[in-house]
Amino acid sequence: MKLIIQMPCLNEEKTLPITVSDLPKSIPGVDVIETLIIDDGSTDRTIEVARQLGVNHIVHLRNNKGLAEAFAAGMDACLKQGADIIVNTDGDNQYQGKYIADLIKPILNREAHMVIGDRQVQKIAHFSFLKKKLQRLGSWVVRSLSGTNVPDAASGFRAYSREAALHLNVITKFTYTMETIIQAGKKNIATASVPVEVNGKLRESRLFTSIPVYLKRSIGTILRIYTMYEPLRVFVALAGVLFGIGTLISIRFLYFYIWVDSGAGHIQSLILSAILMLLGIQFGVLGVVADLISGHRRLTEDTLYRVKKIELYIHDKEKK
């Protein structure tokens, strides 16, 4: 059983030594533990420091591509290095390495394919009251949309089995955390969660500049991914709202037309209701078309999964 611990890094020359030193050297049930960093276009000595620390694998992205692409590049590299389990942690020492054993336990016990560390957000001292509330709200939304029971959807401290890593495809450019949970729920990938603790903050987050920016990008990511997997439900809901409003305006017009003043002065309402009802019908048709496209996407993802397995098989044969 081979475990690879991957760490996306952006200018982490100061924090990487602390992070690496905190990682476990052995875990019961695991034969080999290796480390891998994804250098996301760092401009400092991150790569040199990683080599000095004895990091086993280094993935170098020549320019900054963002957390989501760095994570995806790391997952691909870990699979090619023969990982049976992949743990993702941050290079800024946010997560305590001692919990990696707890994180992979459900995978070793064949209870789950994806395990997410629950940071127990309410206990984190350096999180503001607003951030704690938004984290809880965001996790509730992701749970509701994905059909999973993940208490901390924004946590980047995660473990993936080889099978889960092959099935997941990161599409967004912002962050992989919520997208992969929604994917796991829609693809029936068994998920679990274990409580973990975090270390004190060594630096400010580089993922977003402010809470409004984070909210904007996170909401966009959630809506996009959910629409990919449930397009009919999304478009039919929009169609129902538009058609319903148009119907109510039509009823209002009929009321004035029959009982008040023959509809005089309310022709604009009639035009607006017609437009809204037509838009509702169009959104309904779009939902049907999008659902058909979604079916083709599922077939494409299944094909991609098989292609990945073949590529890894060929890669392993060539290494031998």
C-alpha atoms as a PDB file:
ATOM      1  CA  MET A   1       0.000   0.000   0.000  1.00  0.00           C
ATOM      2  CA  LYS A   2       1.573   3.254  -1.182  1.00  0.00           C
ATOM      3  CA  LEU A   3       0.596   6.646   0.198  1.00  0.00           C
ATOM      4  CA  ILE A   4       1.639   9.901  -1.455  1.00  0.00           C
ATOM      5  CA  ILE A   5       1.103  13.160   0.424  1.00  0.00           C
ATOM      6  CA  GLN A   6       0.746  16.043  -2.013  1.00  0.00           C
ATOM      7  CA  MET A   7       1.110  19.728  -1.165  1.00  0.00           C
ATOM      8  CA  PRO A   8       0.145  22.532  -3.584  1.00  0.00           C
ATOM      9  CA  CYS A   9       2.655  25.337  -2.991  1.00  0.00           C
ATOM     10  CA  LEU A  10       2.932  28.979  -3.966  1.00  0.00           C
ATOM     11  CA  ASN A  11       5.965  30.737  -2.460  1.00  0.00           C
ATOM     12  CA  GLU A  12       6.164  28.441   0.573  1.00  0.00           C
ATOM     13  CA  GLU A  13       9.930  28.465   1.194  1.00  0.00           C
ATOM     14  CA  LYS A  14       9.378  29.563   4.803  1.00  0.00           C
ATOM     15  CA  THR A  15       6.467  27.307   5.735  1.00  0.00           C
ATOM     16  CA  LEU A  16       7.345  24.164   3.745  1.00  0.00           C
ATOM     17  CA  PRO A  17      10.061  22.945   6.172  1.00  0.00           C
ATOM     18  CA  ILE A  18       7.552  23.103   9.060  1.00  0.00           C
ATOM     19  CA  THR A  19       4.898  21.295   7.020  1.00  0.00           C
ATOM     20  CA  VAL A  20       7.189  18.503   5.806  1.00  0.00           C
ATOM     21  CA  SER A  21       8.721  17.908   9.243  1.00  0.00           C
ATOM     22  CA  ASP A  22       5.216  17.413  10.670  1.00  0.00           C
ATOM     23  CA  LEU A  23       4.273  14.645   8.215  1.00  0.00           C
ATOM     24  CA  PRO A  24       4.202  11.044   9.492  1.00  0.00           C
ATOM     25  CA  LYS A  25       7.092   8.759   8.564  1.00  0.00           C
ATOM     26  CA  SER A  26       5.117   5.545   9.042  1.00  0.00           C
ATOM     27  CA  ILE A  27       1.465   4.537   9.364  1.00  0.00           C
ATOM     28  CA  PRO A  28       0.096   1.070  10.192  1.00  0.00           C
ATOM     29  CA  GLY A  29      -1.245  -0.553   7.036  1.00  0.00           C
ATOM     30  CA  VAL A  30       0.895   1.589   4.731  1.00  0.00           C
ATOM     31  CA  ASP A  31       4.078   0.163   3.214  1.00  0.00           C
ATOM     32  CA  VAL A  32       5.471   3.282   1.525  1.00  0.00           C
ATOM     33  CA  ILE A  33       4.964   6.986   2.293  1.00  0.00           C
ATOM     34  CA  GLU A  34       6.194   9.544  -0.243  1.00  0.00           C
ATOM     35  CA  THR A  35       5.777  13.288  -0.585  1.00  0.00           C
ATOM     36  CA  LEU A  36       5.005  15.413  -3.622  1.00  0.00           C
ATOM     37  CA  ILE A  37       4.766  19.161  -4.039  1.00  0.00           C
ATOM     38  CA  ILE A  38       3.085  21.061  -6.837  1.00  0.00           C
ATOM     39  CA  ASP A  39       4.978  24.300  -7.362  1.00  0.00           C
ATOM     40  CA  ASP A  40       2.322  26.662  -8.711  1.00  0.00           C
ATOM     41  CA  GLY A  41       4.659  29.153 -10.366  1.00  0.00           C
ATOM     42  CA  SER A  42       6.531  30.152  -7.200  1.00  0.00           C
ATOM     43  CA  THR A  43       8.982  33.048  -7.472  1.00  0.00           C
ATOM     44  CA  ASP A  44      10.930  32.183  -4.318  1.00  0.00           C
ATOM     45  CA  ARG A  45      13.092  29.158  -3.362  1.00  0.00           C
ATOM     46  CA  THR A  46      10.209  26.719  -2.861  1.00  0.00           C
ATOM     47  CA  ILE A  47      11.629  24.087  -5.253  1.00  0.00           C
ATOM     48  CA  GLU A  48      15.161  24.328  -3.822  1.00  0.00           C
ATOM     49  CA  VAL A  49      13.833  24.012  -0.275  1.00  0.00           C
ATOM     50  CA  ALA A  50      11.701  21.010  -1.287  1.00  0.00           C
ATOM     51  CA  ARG A  51      14.774  19.262  -2.728  1.00  0.00           C
ATOM     52  CA  GLN A  52      16.789  20.004   0.407  1.00  0.00           C
ATOM     53  CA  LEU A  53      13.988  18.523   2.520  1.00  0.00           C
ATOM     54  CA  GLY A  54      14.043  15.313   0.496  1.00  0.00           C
ATOM     55  CA  VAL A  55      10.623  15.666  -1.092  1.00  0.00           C
ATOM     56  CA  ASN A  56      10.254  12.643  -3.372  1.00  0.00           C
ATOM     57  CA  HIS A  57       8.424  14.235  -6.308  1.00  0.00           C
ATOM     58  CA  ILE A  58       8.170  17.798  -7.600  1.00  0.00           C
ATOM     59  CA  VAL A  59       5.627  18.996 -10.163  1.00  0.00           C
ATOM     60  CA  HIS A  60       6.634  22.390 -11.519  1.00  0.00           C
ATOM     61  CA  LEU A  61       4.048  24.656 -13.145  1.00  0.00           C
ATOM     62  CA  ARG A  62       5.914  27.439 -14.946  1.00  0.00           C
ATOM     63  CA  ASN A  63       3.285  30.065 -14.164  1.00  0.00           C
ATOM     64  CA  ASN A  64       0.636  30.450 -11.489  1.00  0.00           C
ATOM     65  CA  LYS A  65      -2.430  28.459 -12.555  1.00  0.00           C
ATOM     66  CA  GLY A  66      -4.419  28.557  -9.334  1.00  0.00           C
ATOM     67  CA  LEU A  67      -5.237  26.061  -6.615  1.00  0.00           C
ATOM     68  CA  ALA A  68      -7.681  23.952  -8.642  1.00  0.00           C
ATOM     69  CA  GLU A  69      -5.259  23.278 -11.517  1.00  0.00           C
ATOM     70  CA  ALA A  70      -2.360  22.694  -9.115  1.00  0.00           C
ATOM     71  CA  PHE A  71      -4.456  20.145  -7.208  1.00  0.00           C
ATOM     72  CA  ALA A  72      -5.441  18.359 -10.443  1.00  0.00           C
ATOM     73  CA  ALA A  73      -1.823  18.264 -11.641  1.00  0.00           C
ATOM     74  CA  GLY A  74      -0.780  16.759  -8.323  1.00  0.00           C
ATOM     75  CA  MET A  75      -3.471  14.076  -8.436  1.00  0.00           C
ATOM     76  CA  ASP A  76      -2.387  13.067 -11.933  1.00  0.00           C
ATOM     77  CA  ALA A  77       1.270  12.913 -10.883  1.00  0.00           C
ATOM     78  CA  CYS A  78       0.454  10.862  -7.774  1.00  0.00           C
ATOM     79  CA  LEU A  79      -1.456   8.322  -9.852  1.00  0.00           C
ATOM     80  CA  LYS A  80       1.462   8.019 -12.263  1.00  0.00           C
ATOM     81  CA  GLN A  81       3.796   7.408  -9.320  1.00  0.00           C
ATOM     82  CA  GLY A  82       1.650   4.443  -8.295  1.00  0.00           C
ATOM     83  CA  ALA A  83      -0.208   5.920  -5.328  1.00  0.00           C
ATOM     84  CA  ASP A  84      -2.904   3.725  -3.794  1.00  0.00           C
ATOM     85  CA  ILE A  85      -3.956   6.561  -1.499  1.00  0.00           C
ATOM     86  CA  ILE A  86      -3.441  10.287  -2.036  1.00  0.00           C
ATOM     87  CA  VAL A  87      -3.574  12.783   0.824  1.00  0.00           C
ATOM     88  CA  ASN A  88      -3.842  16.461   0.033  1.00  0.00           C
ATOM     89  CA  THR A  89      -2.600  18.989   2.568  1.00  0.00           C
ATOM     90  CA  ASP A  90      -1.492  22.612   2.334  1.00  0.00           C
ATOM     91  CA  GLY A  91       2.090  23.818   2.163  1.00  0.00           C
ATOM     92  CA  ASP A  92       1.396  26.561   4.718  1.00  0.00           C
ATOM     93  CA  ASN A  93       1.202  24.078   7.635  1.00  0.00           C
ATOM     94  CA  GLN A  94      -2.496  24.759   8.214  1.00  0.00           C
ATOM     95  CA  TYR A  95      -3.242  21.094   8.970  1.00  0.00           C
ATOM     96  CA  GLN A  96      -1.621  18.882  11.606  1.00  0.00           C
ATOM     97  CA  GLY A  97       0.192  15.970   9.988  1.00  0.00           C
ATOM     98  CA  LYS A  98      -0.550  13.571  12.838  1.00  0.00           C
ATOM     99  CA  TYR A  99      -4.165  13.344  11.632  1.00  0.00           C
ATOM    100  CA  ILE A 100      -3.179  11.798   8.289  1.00  0.00           C
ATOM    101  CA  ALA A 101      -3.407   8.347   9.895  1.00  0.00           C
ATOM    102  CA  ASP A 102      -7.016   9.093  10.912  1.00  0.00           C
ATOM    103  CA  LEU A 103      -7.741  10.533   7.489  1.00  0.00           C
ATOM    104  CA  ILE A 104      -6.777   7.407   5.568  1.00  0.00           C
ATOM    105  CA  LYS A 105      -8.239   4.901   8.046  1.00  0.00           C
ATOM    106  CA  PRO A 106     -11.708   4.728   6.404  1.00  0.00           C
ATOM    107  CA  ILE A 107      -9.984   4.023   3.065  1.00  0.00           C
ATOM    108  CA  LEU A 108      -7.765   1.307   4.549  1.00  0.00           C
ATOM    109  CA  ASN A 109     -10.862  -0.221   6.163  1.00  0.00           C
ATOM    110  CA  ARG A 110     -12.705  -0.088   2.810  1.00  0.00           C
ATOM    111  CA  GLU A 111     -15.387   2.155   4.285  1.00  0.00           C
ATOM    112  CA  ALA A 112     -14.901   5.125   1.939  1.00  0.00           C
ATOM    113  CA  HIS A 113     -13.067   6.291  -1.176  1.00  0.00           C
ATOM    114  CA  MET A 114     -12.872   9.975  -0.204  1.00  0.00           C
ATOM    115  CA  VAL A 115     -12.314  11.270   3.324  1.00  0.00           C
ATOM    116  CA  ILE A 116     -12.457  14.936   4.325  1.00  0.00           C
ATOM    117  CA  GLY A 117     -10.933  16.365   7.475  1.00  0.00           C
ATOM    118  CA  ASP A 118     -13.479  18.282   9.535  1.00  0.00           C
ATOM    119  CA  ARG A 119     -11.616  21.278  10.947  1.00  0.00           C
ATOM    120  CA  GLN A 120     -14.450  21.870  13.461  1.00  0.00           C
ATOM    121  CA  VAL A 121     -14.620  25.458  12.271  1.00  0.00           C
ATOM    122  CA  GLN A 122     -16.363  26.771  15.383  1.00  0.00           C
ATOM    123  CA  LYS A 123     -13.248  25.951  17.433  1.00  0.00           C
ATOM    124  CA  ILE A 124     -10.750  27.786  15.210  1.00  0.00           C
ATOM    125  CA  ALA A 125      -9.651  30.869  17.139  1.00  0.00           C
ATOM    126  CA  HIS A 126      -8.263  32.875  14.207  1.00  0.00           C
ATOM    127  CA  PHE A 127     -11.515  32.567  12.181  1.00  0.00           C
ATOM    128  CA  SER A 128     -13.807  35.572  12.527  1.00  0.00           C
ATOM    129  CA  PHE A 129     -17.447  35.155  13.580  1.00  0.00           C
ATOM    130  CA  LEU A 130     -18.594  35.987  10.033  1.00  0.00           C
ATOM    131  CA  LYS A 131     -16.182  33.506   8.450  1.00  0.00           C
ATOM    132  CA  LYS A 132     -17.368  30.730  10.758  1.00  0.00           C
ATOM    133  CA  LYS A 133     -21.006  31.389   9.887  1.00  0.00           C
ATOM    134  CA  LEU A 134     -20.283  31.553   6.155  1.00  0.00           C
ATOM    135  CA  GLN A 135     -18.270  28.312   6.323  1.00  0.00           C
ATOM    136  CA  ARG A 136     -21.191  26.545   8.014  1.00  0.00           C
ATOM    137  CA  LEU A 137     -23.685  27.968   5.525  1.00  0.00           C
ATOM    138  CA  GLY A 138     -21.509  26.985   2.553  1.00  0.00           C
ATOM    139  CA  SER A 139     -21.067  23.453   3.879  1.00  0.00           C
ATOM    140  CA  TRP A 140     -24.828  23.115   4.360  1.00  0.00           C
ATOM    141  CA  VAL A 141     -25.443  24.225   0.776  1.00  0.00           C
ATOM    142  CA  VAL A 142     -22.879  21.749  -0.588  1.00  0.00           C
ATOM    143  CA  ARG A 143     -24.342  18.933   1.533  1.00  0.00           C
ATOM    144  CA  SER A 144     -27.817  19.712   0.259  1.00  0.00           C
ATOM    145  CA  LEU A 145     -26.765  19.832  -3.394  1.00  0.00           C
ATOM    146  CA  SER A 146     -24.422  16.842  -3.313  1.00  0.00           C
ATOM    147  CA  GLY A 147     -26.424  14.493  -1.121  1.00  0.00           C
ATOM    148  CA  THR A 148     -23.366  13.871   1.070  1.00  0.00           C
ATOM    149  CA  ASN A 149     -22.876  14.404   4.789  1.00  0.00           C
ATOM    150  CA  VAL A 150     -19.680  16.470   4.819  1.00  0.00           C
ATOM    151  CA  PRO A 151     -19.597  18.953   7.735  1.00  0.00           C
ATOM    152  CA  ASP A 152     -16.638  21.003   6.415  1.00  0.00           C
ATOM    153  CA  ALA A 153     -16.889  21.358   2.642  1.00  0.00           C
ATOM    154  CA  ALA A 154     -14.098  23.949   2.359  1.00  0.00           C
ATOM    155  CA  SER A 155     -11.468  21.779   4.046  1.00  0.00           C
ATOM    156  CA  GLY A 156      -8.499  20.977   1.820  1.00  0.00           C
ATOM    157  CA  PHE A 157      -7.218  18.243   4.141  1.00  0.00           C
ATOM    158  CA  ARG A 158      -8.395  15.151   2.300  1.00  0.00           C
ATOM    159  CA  ALA A 159      -7.610  11.569   1.398  1.00  0.00           C
ATOM    160  CA  TYR A 160      -8.547   9.862  -1.874  1.00  0.00           C
ATOM    161  CA  SER A 161      -8.334   6.246  -2.886  1.00  0.00           C
ATOM    162  CA  ARG A 162      -6.873   5.461  -6.299  1.00  0.00           C
ATOM    163  CA  GLU A 163     -10.365   4.683  -7.560  1.00  0.00           C
ATOM    164  CA  ALA A 164     -11.775   8.031  -6.403  1.00  0.00           C
ATOM    165  CA  ALA A 165      -8.844   9.911  -7.934  1.00  0.00           C
ATOM    166  CA  LEU A 166      -9.513   8.240 -11.294  1.00  0.00           C
ATOM    167  CA  HIS A 167     -13.187   9.189 -11.219  1.00  0.00           C
ATOM    168  CA  LEU A 168     -12.824  12.860 -10.252  1.00  0.00           C
ATOM    169  CA  ASN A 169     -12.291  15.562 -12.896  1.00  0.00           C
ATOM    170  CA  VAL A 170     -11.560  19.104 -11.737  1.00  0.00           C
ATOM    171  CA  ILE A 171     -13.089  21.629 -14.133  1.00  0.00           C
ATOM    172  CA  THR A 172     -13.223  24.920 -12.243  1.00  0.00           C
ATOM    173  CA  LYS A 173     -10.243  27.278 -12.014  1.00  0.00           C
ATOM    174  CA  PHE A 174     -10.856  28.588  -8.484  1.00  0.00           C
ATOM    175  CA  THR A 175     -10.885  25.750  -5.933  1.00  0.00           C
ATOM    176  CA  TYR A 176     -11.442  22.012  -6.070  1.00  0.00           C
ATOM    177  CA  THR A 177     -12.962  21.605  -2.587  1.00  0.00           C
ATOM    178  CA  MET A 178     -16.672  22.061  -3.244  1.00  0.00           C
ATOM    179  CA  GLU A 179     -16.558  20.773  -6.816  1.00  0.00           C
ATOM    180  CA  THR A 180     -15.105  17.395  -5.844  1.00  0.00           C
ATOM    181  CA  ILE A 181     -17.725  16.900  -3.106  1.00  0.00           C
ATOM    182  CA  ILE A 182     -20.579  17.565  -5.538  1.00  0.00           C
ATOM    183  CA  GLN A 183     -18.956  15.233  -8.056  1.00  0.00           C
ATOM    184  CA  ALA A 184     -18.524  12.544  -5.410  1.00  0.00           C
ATOM    185  CA  GLY A 185     -22.185  12.790  -4.465  1.00  0.00           C
ATOM    186  CA  LYS A 186     -23.427  12.640  -8.061  1.00  0.00           C
ATOM    187  CA  LYS A 187     -21.053   9.758  -8.942  1.00  0.00           C
ATOM    188  CA  ASN A 188     -21.916   7.774  -5.805  1.00  0.00           C
ATOM    189  CA  ILE A 189     -18.337   7.844  -4.523  1.00  0.00           C
ATOM    190  CA  ALA A 190     -18.418   6.779  -0.872  1.00  0.00           C
ATOM    191  CA  THR A 191     -17.377   9.730   1.304  1.00  0.00           C
ATOM    192  CA  ALA A 192     -16.562  10.049   4.986  1.00  0.00           C
ATOM    193  CA  SER A 193     -15.368  12.724   7.381  1.00  0.00           C
ATOM    194  CA  VAL A 194     -13.065  12.646  10.405  1.00  0.00           C
ATOM    195  CA  PRO A 195     -12.429  15.404  12.979  1.00  0.00           C
ATOM    196  CA  VAL A 196      -9.039  17.103  12.743  1.00  0.00           C
ATOM    197  CA  GLU A 197      -7.339  20.112  14.297  1.00  0.00           C
ATOM    198  CA  VAL A 198      -5.501  22.946  12.584  1.00  0.00           C
ATOM    199  CA  ASN A 199      -2.327  24.813  13.476  1.00  0.00           C
ATOM    200  CA  GLY A 200      -2.064  28.513  14.110  1.00  0.00           C
ATOM    201  CA  LYS A 201      -2.042  30.808  11.081  1.00  0.00           C
ATOM    202  CA  LEU A 202       1.431  31.457   9.633  1.00  0.00           C
ATOM    203  CA  ARG A 203       0.297  33.728   6.802  1.00  0.00           C
ATOM    204  CA  GLU A 204      -2.817  35.192   5.177  1.00  0.00           C
ATOM    205  CA  SER A 205      -4.730  33.159   2.612  1.00  0.00           C
ATOM    206  CA  ARG A 206      -3.637  33.581  -1.005  1.00  0.00           C
ATOM    207  CA  LEU A 207      -6.764  31.941  -2.404  1.00  0.00           C
ATOM    208  CA  PHE A 208      -8.880  35.092  -2.148  1.00  0.00           C
ATOM    209  CA  THR A 209      -8.370  38.741  -1.241  1.00  0.00           C
ATOM    210  CA  SER A 210     -11.630  39.270   0.674  1.00  0.00           C
ATOM    211  CA  ILE A 211     -14.746  37.439   1.839  1.00  0.00           C
ATOM    212  CA  PRO A 212     -16.983  39.028  -0.869  1.00  0.00           C
ATOM    213  CA  VAL A 213     -14.572  37.809  -3.567  1.00  0.00           C
ATOM    214  CA  TYR A 214     -14.532  34.325  -2.034  1.00  0.00           C
ATOM    215  CA  LEU A 215     -18.334  34.253  -1.860  1.00  0.00           C
ATOM    216  CA  LYS A 216     -18.714  35.402  -5.449  1.00  0.00           C
ATOM    217  CA  ARG A 217     -16.331  32.796  -6.831  1.00  0.00           C
ATOM    218  CA  SER A 218     -17.579  29.991  -4.579  1.00  0.00           C
ATOM    219  CA  ILE A 219     -21.234  30.584  -5.466  1.00  0.00           C
ATOM    220  CA  GLY A 220     -20.335  30.641  -9.147  1.00  0.00           C
ATOM    221  CA  THR A 221     -18.432  27.356  -8.786  1.00  0.00           C
ATOM    222  CA  ILE A 222     -21.271  25.639  -6.918  1.00  0.00           C
ATOM    223  CA  LEU A 223     -23.922  26.754  -9.419  1.00  0.00           C
ATOM    224  CA  ARG A 224     -21.816  25.748 -12.401  1.00  0.00           C
ATOM    225  CA  ILE A 225     -20.976  22.259 -11.125  1.00  0.00           C
ATOM    226  CA  TYR A 226     -24.486  21.534  -9.853  1.00  0.00           C
ATOM    227  CA  THR A 227     -25.958  22.645 -13.180  1.00  0.00           C
ATOM    228  CA  MET A 228     -23.580  20.281 -14.985  1.00  0.00           C
ATOM    229  CA  TYR A 229     -24.959  17.309 -13.064  1.00  0.00           C
ATOM    230  CA  GLU A 230     -28.581  18.410 -12.599  1.00  0.00           C
ATOM    231  CA  PRO A 231     -29.359  20.656 -15.610  1.00  0.00           C
ATOM    232  CA  LEU A 232     -32.996  19.602 -15.954  1.00  0.00           C
ATOM    233  CA  ARG A 233     -33.753  20.414 -12.330  1.00  0.00           C
ATOM    234  CA  VAL A 234     -32.063  23.834 -12.555  1.00  0.00           C
ATOM    235  CA  PHE A 235     -33.659  24.909 -15.835  1.00  0.00           C
ATOM    236  CA  VAL A 236     -37.103  23.574 -14.948  1.00  0.00           C
ATOM    237  CA  ALA A 237     -36.958  25.498 -11.660  1.00  0.00           C
ATOM    238  CA  LEU A 238     -36.100  28.705 -13.559  1.00  0.00           C
ATOM    239  CA  ALA A 239     -38.781  27.941 -16.119  1.00  0.00           C
ATOM    240  CA  GLY A 240     -41.353  27.415 -13.363  1.00  0.00           C
ATOM    241  CA  VAL A 241     -40.493  30.734 -11.711  1.00  0.00           C
ATOM    242  CA  LEU A 242     -40.703  32.717 -14.967  1.00  0.00           C
ATOM    243  CA  PHE A 243     -43.842  30.973 -16.192  1.00  0.00           C
ATOM    244  CA  GLY A 244     -45.465  31.330 -12.768  1.00  0.00           C
ATOM    245  CA  ILE A 245     -44.799  35.082 -12.584  1.00  0.00           C
ATOM    246  CA  GLY A 246     -46.098  35.477 -16.134  1.00  0.00           C
ATOM    247  CA  THR A 247     -49.255  33.550 -15.231  1.00  0.00           C
ATOM    248  CA  LEU A 248     -49.898  35.713 -12.168  1.00  0.00           C
ATOM    249  CA  ILE A 249     -49.532  38.881 -14.255  1.00  0.00           C
ATOM    250  CA  SER A 250     -51.951  37.412 -16.819  1.00  0.00           C
ATOM    251  CA  ILE A 251     -54.509  36.690 -14.089  1.00  0.00           C
ATOM    252  CA  ARG A 252     -54.118  40.283 -12.881  1.00  0.00           C
ATOM    253  CA  PHE A 253     -54.766  41.540 -16.419  1.00  0.00           C
ATOM    254  CA  LEU A 254     -57.865  39.335 -16.757  1.00  0.00           C
ATOM    255  CA  TYR A 255     -59.187  40.679 -13.485  1.00  0.00           C
ATOM    256  CA  PHE A 256     -58.989  44.269 -14.756  1.00  0.00           C
ATOM    257  CA  TYR A 257     -60.265  43.241 -18.190  1.00  0.00           C
ATOM    258  CA  ILE A 258     -63.390  41.458 -16.911  1.00  0.00           C
ATOM    259  CA  TRP A 259     -64.388  43.291 -13.742  1.00  0.00           C
ATOM    260  CA  VAL A 260     -62.796  46.739 -13.705  1.00  0.00           C
ATOM    261  CA  ASP A 261     -62.073  48.703 -16.852  1.00  0.00           C
ATOM    262  CA  SER A 262     -61.842  46.245 -19.771  1.00  0.00           C
ATOM    263  CA  GLY A 263     -58.074  46.141 -19.357  1.00  0.00           C
ATOM    264  CA  ALA A 264     -57.558  49.714 -20.410  1.00  0.00           C
ATOM    265  CA  GLY A 265     -54.097  50.921 -19.450  1.00  0.00           C
ATOM    266  CA  HIS A 266     -52.877  47.426 -18.576  1.00  0.00           C
ATOM    267  CA  ILE A 267     -51.732  46.234 -21.994  1.00  0.00           C
ATOM    268  CA  GLN A 268     -48.096  46.506 -20.831  1.00  0.00           C
ATOM    269  CA  SER A 269     -48.826  43.866 -18.186  1.00  0.00           C
ATOM    270  CA  LEU A 270     -50.199  41.566 -20.850  1.00  0.00           C
ATOM    271  CA  ILE A 271     -47.043  41.997 -22.964  1.00  0.00           C
ATOM    272  CA  LEU A 272     -44.779  41.392 -19.926  1.00  0.00           C
ATOM    273  CA  SER A 273     -46.678  38.241 -18.965  1.00  0.00           C
ATOM    274  CA  ALA A 274     -46.395  36.902 -22.515  1.00  0.00           C
ATOM    275  CA  ILE A 275     -42.641  37.528 -22.542  1.00  0.00           C
ATOM    276  CA  LEU A 276     -42.151  35.841 -19.166  1.00  0.00           C
ATOM    277  CA  MET A 277     -44.252  32.822 -20.129  1.00  0.00           C
ATOM    278  CA  LEU A 278     -42.366  32.434 -23.415  1.00  0.00           C
ATOM    279  CA  LEU A 279     -39.058  32.661 -21.534  1.00  0.00           C
ATOM    280  CA  GLY A 280     -40.345  30.010 -19.140  1.00  0.00           C
ATOM    281  CA  ILE A 281     -41.129  27.687 -22.036  1.00  0.00           C
ATOM    282  CA  GLN A 282     -37.712  28.352 -23.591  1.00  0.00           C
ATOM    283  CA  PHE A 283     -35.931  27.572 -20.305  1.00  0.00           C
ATOM    284  CA  GLY A 284     -37.907  24.343 -20.067  1.00  0.00           C
ATOM    285  CA  VAL A 285     -36.786  23.349 -23.570  1.00  0.00           C
ATOM    286  CA  LEU A 286     -33.192  24.315 -22.687  1.00  0.00           C
ATOM    287  CA  GLY A 287     -33.447  22.061 -19.638  1.00  0.00           C
ATOM    288  CA  VAL A 288     -34.388  19.073 -21.786  1.00  0.00           C
ATOM    289  CA  VAL A 289     -31.524  19.779 -24.210  1.00  0.00           C
ATOM    290  CA  ALA A 290     -29.056  20.312 -21.345  1.00  0.00           C
ATOM    291  CA  ASP A 291     -30.185  17.033 -19.766  1.00  0.00           C
ATOM    292  CA  LEU A 292     -29.447  15.203 -23.016  1.00  0.00           C
ATOM    293  CA  ILE A 293     -26.000  16.854 -23.137  1.00  0.00           C
ATOM    294  CA  SER A 294     -25.456  15.853 -19.503  1.00  0.00           C
ATOM    295  CA  GLY A 295     -26.119  12.241 -20.456  1.00  0.00           C
ATOM    296  CA  HIS A 296     -23.424  12.452 -23.118  1.00  0.00           C
ATOM    297  CA  ARG A 297     -21.061  14.063 -20.596  1.00  0.00           C
ATOM    298  CA  ARG A 298     -21.536  11.114 -18.233  1.00  0.00           C
ATOM    299  CA  LEU A 299     -20.632   8.745 -21.071  1.00  0.00           C
ATOM    300  CA  THR A 300     -17.567  10.898 -21.821  1.00  0.00           C
ATOM    301  CA  GLU A 301     -16.480  10.811 -18.164  1.00  0.00           C
ATOM    302  CA  ASP A 302     -16.861   7.028 -18.117  1.00  0.00           C
ATOM    303  CA  THR A 303     -14.691   6.836 -21.238  1.00  0.00           C
ATOM    304  CA  LEU A 304     -12.136   9.181 -19.645  1.00  0.00           C
ATOM    305  CA  TYR A 305     -12.016   6.959 -16.550  1.00  0.00           C
ATOM    306  CA  ARG A 306     -11.231   3.925 -18.716  1.00  0.00           C
ATOM    307  CA  VAL A 307      -8.617   5.854 -20.701  1.00  0.00           C
ATOM    308  CA  LYS A 308      -6.902   6.927 -17.472  1.00  0.00           C
ATOM    309  CA  LYS A 309      -6.729   3.326 -16.293  1.00  0.00           C
ATOM    310  CA  ILE A 310      -5.217   2.215 -19.598  1.00  0.00           C
ATOM    311  CA  GLU A 311      -2.681   5.067 -19.521  1.00  0.00           C
ATOM    312  CA  LEU A 312      -1.633   4.182 -15.981  1.00  0.00           C
ATOM    313  CA  TYR A 313      -1.352   0.509 -16.906  1.00  0.00           C
ATOM    314  CA  ILE A 314       0.921   1.380 -19.856  1.00  0.00           C
ATOM    315  CA  HIS A 315       2.882   3.815 -17.688  1.00  0.00           C
ATOM    316  CA  ASP A 316       3.442   1.157 -15.023  1.00  0.00           C
ATOM    317  CA  LYS A 317       4.550  -1.396 -17.645  1.00  0.00           C
ATOM    318  CA  GLU A 318       7.057   1.073 -19.118  1.00  0.00           C
ATOM    319  CA  LYS A 319       8.509   1.837 -15.658  1.00  0.00           C
ATOM    320  CA  LYS A 320       9.109  -1.872 -15.101  1.00  0.00           C
END
